[in-house]
Each structure stands twice: as structure tokens, then as C-alpha cells.
Protein backbone atom coordinates (compact mmCIF):
# COMPACT_ATOMS: atom_id res chain seq x y z
CA UNK A 1 26.30 40.68 -65.39
CA UNK A 2 25.22 43.80 -67.23
CA UNK A 3 24.24 43.15 -70.84
CA UNK A 4 25.98 45.30 -73.39
CA UNK A 5 24.31 46.49 -76.54
CA UNK A 6 26.36 43.91 -78.42
CA UNK A 7 25.17 41.09 -76.11
CA UNK A 8 21.56 42.18 -76.40
CA UNK A 9 21.88 42.26 -80.16
CA UNK A 10 23.33 38.74 -80.20
CA UNK A 11 20.58 37.47 -77.90
CA UNK A 12 17.91 39.00 -80.13
CA UNK A 13 19.45 37.49 -83.25
CA UNK A 14 19.68 34.11 -81.52
CA UNK A 15 16.00 34.24 -80.53
CA UNK A 16 14.99 35.25 -84.03
CA UNK A 17 17.06 32.39 -85.46
CA UNK A 18 15.37 29.88 -83.15
CA UNK A 19 11.92 31.19 -84.00
CA UNK A 20 12.72 31.06 -87.71
CA UNK A 21 13.93 27.45 -87.35
CA UNK A 22 10.71 26.40 -85.65
CA UNK A 23 8.49 28.30 -88.09
CA UNK A 24 10.29 26.79 -91.07
CA UNK A 25 9.70 23.28 -89.76
CA UNK A 26 6.06 24.04 -88.93
CA UNK A 27 5.57 25.38 -92.44
CA UNK A 28 7.04 22.25 -94.02
CA UNK A 29 4.77 20.06 -91.90
CA UNK A 30 1.67 22.07 -92.71
CA UNK A 31 2.28 22.25 -96.47
CA UNK A 32 3.22 18.54 -96.52
CA UNK A 33 6.71 19.12 -97.92
CA UNK A 34 8.21 17.56 -94.78
CA UNK A 35 9.62 14.03 -95.09
CA UNK A 36 8.80 11.61 -92.28
CA UNK A 37 10.88 8.66 -91.05
CA UNK A 38 9.32 5.83 -89.04
CA UNK A 39 11.93 3.68 -87.29
CA UNK A 40 10.50 0.23 -86.63
CA UNK A 41 7.84 -1.15 -88.99
CA UNK A 42 5.95 -3.54 -86.76
CA UNK A 43 2.43 -3.50 -85.34
CA UNK A 44 2.87 0.16 -84.31
CA UNK A 45 5.20 1.56 -86.96
CA UNK A 46 3.52 0.33 -90.13
CA UNK A 47 0.00 1.60 -89.29
CA UNK A 48 1.54 4.94 -88.26
CA UNK A 49 3.56 5.15 -91.48
CA UNK A 50 0.41 4.48 -93.51
CA UNK A 51 -1.55 7.11 -91.56
CA UNK A 52 1.10 9.78 -92.19
CA UNK A 53 1.41 8.82 -95.87
CA UNK A 54 -2.36 8.97 -96.32
CA UNK A 55 -2.33 12.47 -94.80
CA UNK A 56 -0.15 13.60 -97.71
CA UNK A 57 3.32 13.43 -96.16
CA UNK A 58 6.09 11.42 -97.76
CA UNK A 59 7.14 8.59 -95.42
CA UNK A 60 10.33 6.54 -95.32
CA UNK A 61 10.15 3.46 -93.12
CA UNK A 62 13.40 2.25 -91.58
CA UNK A 63 13.76 -1.30 -90.28
CA UNK A 64 16.61 -3.77 -89.85
CA UNK A 65 14.39 -6.64 -91.07
CA UNK A 66 14.92 -6.99 -94.84
CA UNK A 67 11.67 -8.93 -95.28
CA UNK A 68 9.63 -5.99 -93.97
CA UNK A 69 11.53 -3.51 -96.13
CA UNK A 70 11.04 -5.66 -99.23
CA UNK A 71 7.35 -6.17 -98.50
CA UNK A 72 6.61 -2.46 -98.23
CA UNK A 73 8.59 -1.58 -101.34
CA UNK A 74 6.69 -4.30 -103.21
CA UNK A 75 3.35 -3.00 -101.92
CA UNK A 76 2.61 -5.85 -99.52
CA UNK A 77 1.44 -5.70 -95.91
CA UNK A 78 2.41 -8.26 -93.28
CA UNK A 79 -0.02 -6.94 -90.63
CA UNK A 80 -3.73 -7.80 -90.59
CA UNK A 81 -4.81 -4.28 -89.66
CA UNK A 82 -3.16 -2.78 -92.76
CA UNK A 83 -4.51 -4.12 -96.09
CA UNK A 84 -1.92 -4.68 -98.82
CA UNK A 85 -4.05 -2.56 -101.14
CA UNK A 86 -3.35 0.52 -99.01
CA UNK A 87 0.39 -0.17 -98.92
CA UNK A 88 0.50 -0.82 -102.66
CA UNK A 89 -1.36 2.39 -103.44
CA UNK A 90 0.89 4.54 -101.24
CA UNK A 91 4.05 2.87 -102.52
CA UNK A 92 2.89 3.39 -106.10
CA UNK A 93 2.27 7.07 -105.41
CA UNK A 94 5.76 7.47 -103.97
CA UNK A 95 4.31 8.36 -100.57
CA UNK A 96 5.63 5.28 -98.77
CA UNK A 97 8.94 3.46 -99.10
CA UNK A 98 11.26 1.54 -96.81
CA UNK A 99 14.97 1.04 -96.29
CA UNK A 100 17.51 -0.49 -93.92
CA UNK A 101 19.83 2.49 -94.39
CA UNK A 102 19.64 5.03 -91.56
CA UNK A 103 21.39 7.63 -93.69
CA UNK A 104 17.92 8.30 -95.12
CA UNK A 105 17.47 10.41 -91.99
CA UNK A 106 19.57 13.14 -93.58
CA UNK A 107 16.56 13.89 -95.82
CA UNK A 108 13.95 13.67 -93.06
CA UNK A 109 12.34 16.46 -91.07
CA UNK A 110 10.34 14.33 -88.64
CA UNK A 111 11.14 10.98 -87.02
CA UNK A 112 8.98 8.60 -84.97
CA UNK A 113 10.67 5.78 -83.04
CA UNK A 114 8.45 2.68 -82.87
CA UNK A 115 10.88 -0.05 -81.85
CA UNK A 116 10.25 -2.96 -79.45
CA UNK A 117 10.92 -2.63 -75.73
CA UNK A 118 10.87 -6.18 -74.34
CA UNK A 119 11.90 -7.41 -70.92
CA UNK A 120 15.09 -9.32 -70.33
CA UNK A 121 14.78 -12.76 -68.73
CA UNK A 122 15.83 -11.09 -65.48
CA UNK A 123 12.75 -8.84 -65.64
CA UNK A 124 14.75 -5.69 -66.39
CA UNK A 125 13.73 -3.37 -69.23
CA UNK A 126 15.55 -3.93 -72.50
CA UNK A 127 15.78 -0.51 -74.14
CA UNK A 128 18.64 -1.49 -76.43
CA UNK A 129 16.51 -0.85 -79.52
CA UNK A 130 15.69 2.66 -78.30
CA UNK A 131 19.37 3.34 -77.63
CA UNK A 132 20.41 2.03 -81.04
CA UNK A 133 17.77 4.21 -82.73
CA UNK A 134 18.84 7.30 -80.77
CA UNK A 135 22.47 6.76 -81.74
CA UNK A 136 21.56 6.44 -85.41
CA UNK A 137 19.43 9.59 -85.26
CA UNK A 138 22.30 11.44 -83.53
CA UNK A 139 24.58 10.55 -86.45
CA UNK A 140 22.25 12.23 -88.91
CA UNK A 141 20.64 14.87 -86.70
CA UNK A 142 20.35 18.25 -88.37
CA UNK A 143 18.73 21.57 -87.49
CA UNK A 144 14.98 21.75 -88.03
CA UNK A 145 14.17 18.16 -87.03
CA UNK A 146 11.47 16.78 -84.71
CA UNK A 147 11.90 13.39 -83.02
CA UNK A 148 9.10 11.57 -81.21
CA UNK A 149 9.54 8.38 -79.21
CA UNK A 150 6.51 6.06 -79.24
CA UNK A 151 8.02 2.92 -77.73
CA UNK A 152 6.67 2.10 -74.28
CA UNK A 153 9.26 2.69 -71.58
CA UNK A 154 9.77 3.96 -68.04
CA UNK A 155 9.36 7.64 -67.09
CA UNK A 156 12.53 9.57 -67.84
CA UNK A 157 13.69 7.62 -70.88
CA UNK A 158 13.20 10.46 -73.36
CA UNK A 159 15.20 12.99 -71.35
CA UNK A 160 17.70 10.60 -69.72
CA UNK A 161 18.47 8.25 -72.61
CA UNK A 162 17.59 9.90 -75.93
CA UNK A 163 18.23 13.59 -75.24
CA UNK A 164 21.87 13.22 -74.09
CA UNK A 165 22.73 11.19 -77.17
CA UNK A 166 21.20 13.79 -79.47
CA UNK A 167 22.96 16.65 -77.69
CA UNK A 168 26.33 14.90 -77.90
CA UNK A 169 26.33 14.58 -81.67
CA UNK A 170 29.13 17.09 -82.08
CA UNK A 171 27.05 19.88 -83.61
CA UNK A 172 26.12 21.64 -80.34
CA UNK A 173 22.44 21.57 -81.29
CA UNK A 174 20.00 22.67 -78.60
CA UNK A 175 16.70 20.96 -77.86
CA UNK A 176 13.71 23.24 -78.29
CA UNK A 177 15.75 25.54 -80.51
CA UNK A 178 17.61 23.60 -83.18
CA UNK A 179 15.70 20.33 -82.88
CA UNK A 180 12.54 19.21 -81.09
CA UNK A 181 11.98 16.12 -78.95
CA UNK A 182 8.75 14.60 -77.60
CA UNK A 183 7.16 11.39 -76.35
CA UNK A 184 3.79 10.07 -77.57
CA UNK A 185 2.85 6.57 -76.40
CA UNK A 186 1.42 4.19 -78.97
CA UNK A 187 -2.14 3.02 -78.44
CA UNK A 188 -2.47 0.18 -80.91
CA UNK A 189 -4.95 -2.61 -80.20
CA UNK A 190 -4.44 -5.22 -82.95
CA UNK A 191 -7.63 -6.47 -84.53
CA UNK A 192 -9.79 -3.45 -83.70
CA UNK A 193 -11.67 -1.68 -86.46
CA UNK A 194 -13.59 0.91 -84.42
CA UNK A 195 -10.45 2.63 -83.09
CA UNK A 196 -7.55 3.01 -85.49
CA UNK A 197 -4.34 5.02 -85.57
CA UNK A 198 -6.21 8.02 -86.96
CA UNK A 199 -9.16 8.25 -84.54
CA UNK A 200 -7.58 7.03 -81.30
CA UNK A 201 -6.77 10.06 -79.10
CA UNK A 202 -3.00 10.57 -78.87
CA UNK A 203 -1.21 11.72 -75.71
CA UNK A 204 1.89 13.80 -76.34
CA UNK A 205 4.45 15.56 -74.15
CA UNK A 206 7.43 17.67 -75.20
CA UNK A 207 10.80 18.31 -73.58
CA UNK A 208 10.09 22.05 -73.97
CA UNK A 209 6.96 24.03 -74.91
CA UNK A 210 8.41 24.52 -78.40
CA UNK A 211 8.97 20.77 -78.69
CA UNK A 212 5.33 20.14 -77.78
CA UNK A 213 4.13 22.73 -80.29
CA UNK A 214 6.10 21.19 -83.16
CA UNK A 215 5.26 17.60 -82.21
CA UNK A 216 1.57 18.46 -82.07
CA UNK A 217 1.74 20.03 -85.51
CA UNK A 218 3.52 16.90 -86.79
CA UNK A 219 1.08 14.36 -85.30
CA UNK A 220 -1.90 16.56 -86.05
CA UNK A 221 -1.43 15.72 -89.73
CA UNK A 222 -2.38 12.07 -89.14
CA UNK A 223 -4.24 11.97 -85.80
CA UNK A 224 -7.68 13.47 -85.25
CA UNK A 225 -7.40 14.27 -81.54
CA UNK A 226 -4.25 15.08 -79.54
CA UNK A 227 -4.02 15.17 -75.74
CA UNK A 228 -1.10 17.36 -74.67
CA UNK A 229 0.51 16.87 -71.26
CA UNK A 230 3.12 18.91 -69.40
CA UNK A 231 6.21 16.78 -69.99
CA UNK A 232 7.63 13.70 -71.65
CA UNK A 233 7.73 12.01 -68.21
CA UNK A 234 3.99 12.56 -67.79
CA UNK A 235 3.31 11.09 -71.25
CA UNK A 236 5.52 8.09 -70.46
CA UNK A 237 3.62 7.54 -67.20
CA UNK A 238 0.25 7.75 -68.99
CA UNK A 239 1.05 4.68 -71.06
CA UNK A 240 2.18 2.71 -68.04
CA UNK A 241 -0.96 3.67 -66.10
CA UNK A 242 -3.21 2.56 -68.96
CA UNK A 243 -1.72 -0.91 -69.10
CA UNK A 244 -1.16 -1.26 -65.37
CA UNK A 245 -4.88 -0.55 -64.91
CA UNK A 246 -5.71 -3.44 -67.22
CA UNK A 247 -3.09 -5.81 -65.79
CA UNK A 248 -4.21 -5.22 -62.21
CA UNK A 249 -7.91 -5.62 -63.01
CA UNK A 250 -7.28 -8.77 -65.04
CA UNK A 251 -5.21 -10.06 -62.14
CA UNK A 252 -8.15 -9.31 -59.84
CA UNK A 253 -10.71 -11.25 -61.89
CA UNK A 254 -8.24 -14.09 -62.36
CA UNK A 255 -7.97 -14.33 -58.58
CA UNK A 256 -11.77 -14.14 -58.34
CA UNK A 257 -11.79 -17.15 -60.69
CA UNK A 258 -9.48 -19.01 -58.31
CA UNK A 259 -11.64 -18.06 -55.31
CA UNK A 260 -14.87 -18.97 -57.09
CA UNK A 261 -13.37 -22.32 -58.00
CA UNK A 262 -12.68 -22.98 -54.31
CA UNK A 263 -16.23 -21.89 -53.41
CA UNK A 264 -17.90 -23.93 -56.12
CA UNK A 265 -19.24 -20.85 -57.90
CA UNK A 266 -19.47 -20.00 -61.61
CA UNK A 267 -17.20 -16.97 -61.91
CA UNK A 268 -18.68 -15.90 -65.26
CA UNK A 269 -22.18 -15.86 -63.76
CA UNK A 270 -20.89 -13.71 -60.90
CA UNK A 271 -19.07 -11.28 -63.24
CA UNK A 272 -22.05 -10.95 -65.60
CA UNK A 273 -24.36 -10.21 -62.71
CA UNK A 274 -21.94 -7.64 -61.27
CA UNK A 275 -21.68 -6.00 -64.70
CA UNK A 276 -25.41 -5.25 -64.62
CA UNK A 277 -24.62 -2.40 -62.21
CA UNK A 278 -24.72 0.77 -64.33
CA UNK A 279 -22.13 2.60 -62.24
CA UNK A 280 -19.04 1.86 -60.16
CA UNK A 281 -18.09 -1.36 -61.95
CA UNK A 282 -16.11 -2.10 -65.11
CA UNK A 283 -16.26 -5.61 -66.52
CA UNK A 284 -13.05 -7.61 -66.90
CA UNK A 285 -13.00 -11.35 -67.58
CA UNK A 286 -10.61 -14.09 -66.45
CA UNK A 287 -8.62 -16.23 -68.85
CA UNK A 288 -5.43 -18.18 -69.46
CA UNK A 289 -3.08 -15.29 -68.59
CA UNK A 290 -1.77 -12.14 -70.19
CA UNK A 291 -0.37 -11.82 -73.70
CA UNK A 292 0.61 -9.26 -76.28
CA UNK A 293 3.21 -6.54 -76.52
CA UNK A 294 1.89 -4.30 -73.74
CA UNK A 295 -0.07 -5.59 -70.77
CA UNK A 296 2.30 -8.35 -69.57
CA UNK A 297 5.36 -6.10 -69.97
CA UNK A 298 4.61 -2.41 -69.52
CA UNK A 299 3.64 -2.48 -65.81
CA UNK A 300 6.95 -4.20 -65.04
CA UNK A 301 8.77 -1.23 -66.59
CA UNK A 302 7.11 0.95 -63.98
CA UNK A 303 7.80 -1.56 -61.22
CA UNK A 304 11.48 -1.70 -62.20
CA UNK A 305 11.77 2.10 -62.25
CA UNK A 306 10.22 2.39 -58.80
CA UNK A 307 12.65 -0.21 -57.40
CA UNK A 308 15.49 2.11 -58.37
CA UNK A 309 13.79 4.68 -56.11
CA UNK A 310 13.43 2.18 -53.21
CA UNK A 311 9.69 1.74 -53.71
CA UNK A 312 7.86 -1.55 -54.21
CA UNK A 313 4.91 -1.35 -56.65
CA UNK A 314 2.84 -3.91 -54.75
CA UNK A 315 -0.27 -4.00 -56.92
CA UNK A 316 1.84 -4.54 -60.03
CA UNK A 317 3.93 -7.29 -58.47
CA UNK A 318 0.91 -9.17 -57.12
CA UNK A 319 -1.08 -8.88 -60.36
CA UNK A 320 1.92 -10.05 -62.36
CA UNK A 321 2.35 -13.06 -60.08
CA UNK A 322 -1.32 -14.06 -60.39
CA UNK A 323 -1.50 -13.55 -64.15
CA UNK A 324 1.78 -15.35 -64.81
CA UNK A 325 0.55 -18.39 -62.89
CA UNK A 326 -2.72 -18.79 -64.81
CA UNK A 327 -1.28 -21.19 -67.43
CA UNK A 328 -0.36 -23.57 -64.58
CA UNK A 329 -3.89 -23.32 -63.19
CA UNK A 330 -5.39 -24.35 -66.53
CA UNK A 331 -2.90 -27.18 -67.04
CA UNK A 332 -3.96 -28.47 -63.62
CA UNK A 333 -7.56 -28.29 -64.86
CA UNK A 334 -6.57 -30.45 -67.83
CA UNK A 335 -4.90 -32.93 -65.50
CA UNK A 336 -7.94 -33.07 -63.19
CA UNK A 337 -10.35 -33.53 -66.11
CA UNK A 338 -8.31 -36.37 -67.55
CA UNK A 339 -7.94 -38.01 -64.13
CA UNK A 340 -11.73 -38.10 -63.76
CA UNK A 341 -11.82 -40.13 -66.97
CA UNK A 342 -9.11 -42.49 -65.74
CA UNK A 343 -6.37 -41.02 -67.91
CA UNK A 344 -3.03 -39.44 -67.14
CA UNK A 345 -1.70 -36.33 -68.84
CA UNK A 346 1.36 -38.31 -69.88
CA UNK A 347 0.59 -39.96 -73.19
CA UNK A 348 -2.72 -38.15 -73.68
CA UNK A 349 -3.42 -36.44 -76.99
CA UNK A 350 -4.23 -32.81 -76.31
CA UNK A 351 -5.39 -30.26 -78.86
CA UNK A 352 -4.83 -26.60 -78.02
CA UNK A 353 -7.15 -24.25 -79.89
CA UNK A 354 -5.52 -20.88 -80.51
CA UNK A 355 -1.94 -19.75 -79.95
CA UNK A 356 -2.41 -16.04 -80.72
CA UNK A 357 -2.58 -13.92 -77.57
CA UNK A 358 -6.04 -12.58 -78.47
CA UNK A 359 -8.81 -13.48 -80.87
CA UNK A 360 -8.69 -12.74 -84.60
CA UNK A 361 -4.99 -11.76 -84.76
CA UNK A 362 -1.80 -13.65 -85.59
CA UNK A 363 0.33 -12.08 -82.86
CA UNK A 364 1.80 -14.70 -80.49
CA UNK A 365 3.98 -12.36 -78.43
CA UNK A 366 3.83 -13.34 -74.74
CA UNK A 367 0.85 -15.58 -75.52
CA UNK A 368 -0.19 -17.73 -72.53
CA UNK A 369 -0.99 -20.50 -75.00
CA UNK A 370 2.72 -21.03 -75.53
CA UNK A 371 3.24 -21.53 -71.79
CA UNK A 372 0.32 -23.97 -71.67
CA UNK A 373 1.82 -26.00 -74.52
CA UNK A 374 5.25 -26.06 -72.87
CA UNK A 375 3.78 -27.17 -69.53
CA UNK A 376 1.69 -29.92 -71.12
CA UNK A 377 4.70 -31.20 -73.04
CA UNK A 378 6.75 -31.22 -69.84
CA UNK A 379 4.09 -33.52 -68.35
CA UNK A 380 4.46 -35.90 -71.27
CA UNK A 381 1.35 -34.99 -73.26
CA UNK A 382 1.27 -35.29 -77.05
CA UNK A 383 0.27 -31.74 -77.91
CA UNK A 384 -1.11 -30.48 -81.20
CA UNK A 385 -2.49 -27.02 -81.88
CA UNK A 386 -4.83 -25.38 -84.34
CA UNK A 387 -5.07 -21.67 -85.11
CA UNK A 388 -6.56 -20.23 -88.32
CA UNK A 389 -4.35 -17.14 -87.98
CA UNK A 390 -1.04 -18.82 -87.07
CA UNK A 391 -0.05 -21.56 -89.54
CA UNK A 392 3.27 -22.22 -87.79
CA UNK A 393 5.46 -20.80 -85.06
CA UNK A 394 8.80 -21.12 -83.28
CA UNK A 395 9.18 -20.32 -79.62
CA UNK A 396 11.85 -21.08 -77.05
CA UNK A 397 13.20 -24.11 -78.90
CA UNK A 398 9.75 -25.34 -79.91
CA UNK A 399 8.59 -25.45 -83.54
CA UNK A 400 5.02 -26.44 -84.41
CA UNK A 401 2.58 -26.29 -87.30
CA UNK A 402 -1.17 -25.87 -87.04
CA UNK A 403 -3.20 -29.05 -87.52
CA UNK A 404 -4.27 -29.11 -91.19
CA UNK A 405 -7.68 -30.67 -90.49
CA UNK A 406 -9.55 -29.33 -87.46
CA UNK A 407 -12.28 -31.99 -87.58
CA UNK A 408 -9.71 -34.79 -87.61
CA UNK A 409 -7.72 -33.16 -84.82
CA UNK A 410 -10.86 -32.86 -82.67
CA UNK A 411 -11.74 -36.51 -83.26
CA UNK A 412 -8.21 -37.59 -82.38
CA UNK A 413 -7.81 -35.56 -79.17
CA UNK A 414 -8.40 -36.92 -75.69
CA UNK A 415 -8.84 -33.35 -74.47
CA UNK A 416 -9.35 -29.98 -76.18
CA UNK A 417 -8.02 -26.87 -74.45
CA UNK A 418 -9.61 -23.64 -75.69
CA UNK A 419 -7.12 -20.81 -75.21
CA UNK A 420 -7.92 -18.22 -77.92
CA UNK A 421 -11.56 -17.57 -78.80
CA UNK A 422 -11.20 -16.80 -82.52
CA UNK A 423 -14.42 -15.73 -84.24
CA UNK A 424 -13.82 -18.21 -87.08
CA UNK A 425 -14.39 -21.20 -84.80
CA UNK A 426 -17.80 -22.89 -84.67
CA UNK A 427 -17.92 -23.20 -80.90
CA UNK A 428 -21.14 -25.23 -80.58
CA UNK A 429 -19.74 -27.76 -83.03
CA UNK A 430 -16.40 -27.92 -81.23
CA UNK A 431 -18.06 -28.52 -77.87
CA UNK A 432 -20.30 -31.13 -79.44
CA UNK A 433 -17.53 -33.06 -81.20
CA UNK A 434 -14.79 -32.90 -78.54
CA UNK A 435 -14.57 -35.72 -76.01
CA UNK A 436 -13.43 -33.41 -73.26
CA UNK A 437 -13.15 -29.61 -73.16
CA UNK A 438 -11.21 -27.33 -70.86
CA UNK A 439 -12.37 -23.84 -71.79
CA UNK A 440 -10.24 -20.93 -70.56
CA UNK A 441 -12.44 -18.37 -72.35
CA UNK A 442 -15.95 -19.68 -71.60
CA UNK A 443 -16.81 -19.82 -75.29
CA UNK A 444 -20.06 -21.70 -74.74
CA UNK A 445 -22.11 -20.99 -71.66
CA UNK A 446 -24.07 -24.13 -71.04
CA UNK A 447 -23.81 -26.85 -68.42
CA UNK A 448 -22.68 -30.42 -68.95
CA UNK A 449 -20.59 -32.03 -71.71
CA UNK A 450 -17.58 -32.31 -69.38
CA UNK A 451 -16.91 -28.62 -69.78
CA UNK A 452 -14.48 -27.07 -67.32
């Protein structure tokens, strides 16, 4: 169709309008007059909110949990990695606040979605929190807004789930012109102090080149180094590769543990010796199984997605099977150790040290310790736990409190199962005082003392 002068004029005006929209948003980001919304104030969202607020942007956190909203507004942190002093200072300066009301989005120029993405009991991805967030954003979407999804998910979620909901908001807004959409996977490792939200490189992919440009300008305010990729699908896949790499390699060394056990070898000696090679080997260590919000779950998102394309992700499935079965392996070790002393698991007093999924944090999500406790209880053991970071917990119908006196609990236990190697524990003393130790983390490398 031949363009008329009128059509060309309209096209030029439209292009100028789009460019002006983008430039206006970029200007607001760069002069720190933009207002940021962080949806989801957990282990990912709160550190990100603090990082943006400390960069000079005003941040509004949005969460459905009233206790988190109240804590932030009162200047308190509920996450170890974020000191309350930082939250209090930012809240006092008016740089950080929180609300349960999504209508706050009407005042926001930039939005980051940091909501949970668990698995259903069937193993399927549960992206209901992403969908709910997208629908709320769509209600309050306005021209000159950038939205970035951080929640881990399968490739295609940003364009197949979020984008349609934003485009169907009744305003006929166009992505890359009126609003900007991107994906940037979170890379939070709770408990780390060397790599934080600010200095951990951040992968980011946009739906369009303009989306990537705006999203980079937005995240560049709080993150030192950005790693752009060609699409949101590529960015989504990056996150899944990172955690699949870890899950598969942990599954490998866990199977090496099983094989070494059959061969009568010390797997930790073998791994340490292999790690002396300065090239071609990366050290991973066996343990009680996988825990946390990423490694046990994220690879299964990829596996699920590939099943919809008639492909079986064999490495993922095998690693998941091995890792998921490790709690049973260690419970069998407890049973064998007790049998050698003429005792049955049923009726034995067992102390589990550590219920957090990794050392020096309070996060119990997907912790293998919980599975170990359940399995021991099913066998009739009287189970008690101690964890300096987790005073109490509820899980799958089970409610427990940490033993108030570690020394007394050690003296009382027929067997001590070390699951989480917290720095606060005096391991030589624990091994010395315990009658029997089953050590899933190899906290003390010395022979004897009935150590498994």
C-alpha cells in the first residue's frame, strides 16, 4: 500500500511520541525521580528494594503478608542478609515503604516482580503468584512504565503469560513503545557477604530492544554489572542452566558417595584429592539432599517445559531422583549405626542438628532435614532438633521447637544426626560428647568415635 503524505506524517508523529515516552522514563530513572515498586518482599525482593532505595530511588514494597509490610514500615528487617539498621534508615528517609495495596502502582514508574514460584505436589510449576502479580499490574498499567520479572520460571513465561495480560488491559498500550517489559533472574545466595545484590552480575533480556535499554537503565541504578542477552527467553534459560548445573553436579557427587560406600572408600578423601587438579575439575560435595528456593525446584521447571515439547530432560530427572532419595540413605545410616549398638530406631532418642537448608541461615524451604525428621518419626524414633537460627518451625503437619539446651540434648540422645553445618556449632565438642554420630556434612574429618 502506497503511503500518503498524511500517513507518513502520522507514522512520524507516532515514532516521535514513542521516543519521547522512552526518553521521559529514562530521564526519570537517571535523575532518581522515578518511583519503584517491588512486588514480593522475601529473600529476593527485600534486598533488591534496599539496593534501589540506597541508590537514591524511592521504593514502595508490595506484599500480601501484613507482617512484612508492618516490619518494613517500622524499620525492621526479617531477613538475615538485610540489617534492620539499613531498613530503619531508609524508611526514616522516606526512601522505603511498604503496602498491601496494589493501587500504589499508579504512582510507580518501574516494577520488579519477585514472587515465589514453587512446584505443585504433582511436580508442575505453580506460577499463580506471577499471574496474580501480572493481573494487578495490568489494572494499574500506564504509559511510561517498565516491568521486570525476577521470579524463576520456564522459558516463555514473560512473553506468554505476562505480556498478554498487560496488553489486554483495555488501554491498547504497546510493549516497547508505551511500556517496557523484561526478565532478569534473581541471583540471591542467602548468607553470602562477598556477593550481594549490588555486586553480583545481573543477566537481563528485554521483549524488544527498547525494553532492554530501559530495563538496563533501571537496574543500572542499583547493580554494578549488567549482562544483556538477546531475549527474555534467553534470560529465563540462563537461570535454569545455572541451577541445573548445580543440581546435576550435586546429584553426581551424591551418587559417587553411594558408590564409594559400596566400595568401602572415603568419598571425601576421593573428592579432596580430585580437587587438587588445577584444571578440568570443579569441587562439589555430597550431603543430605537439596534444599532452598532454587536448586531443588528450578531444574524441574525446565524439565516440565521440555515435556510439553515431547523431550525428556534425562540429566535433570536422574539428578532429581538421586538427590531426592538422599534423606532415605542417611536415615538408613542411622538405622545401621543403631543396629550395630543393639538398638532399634523405634524408641531411640535422636537429635537432628540443623533444620535450615544451608549453614548460617534460617531458611528451611525444601530443607532435606525436614524429610529426615519425618522419616525418622515414621520409624518410631523420638526426634528432637537443635538449630541456632531456627527456634521453631511448622511443616507438613509437624510443629517443633529447637532444644533449649544443646548440651543436655546431646547427653540425652542415642544418636546425633548432623544435617546442617552451622558455623556456630563447636564440632569437636559435639563429636566428643555425642554417643553416636551420623554426619551428613563431614564436619570433623577424623577416624573413629562411631562416626558415619
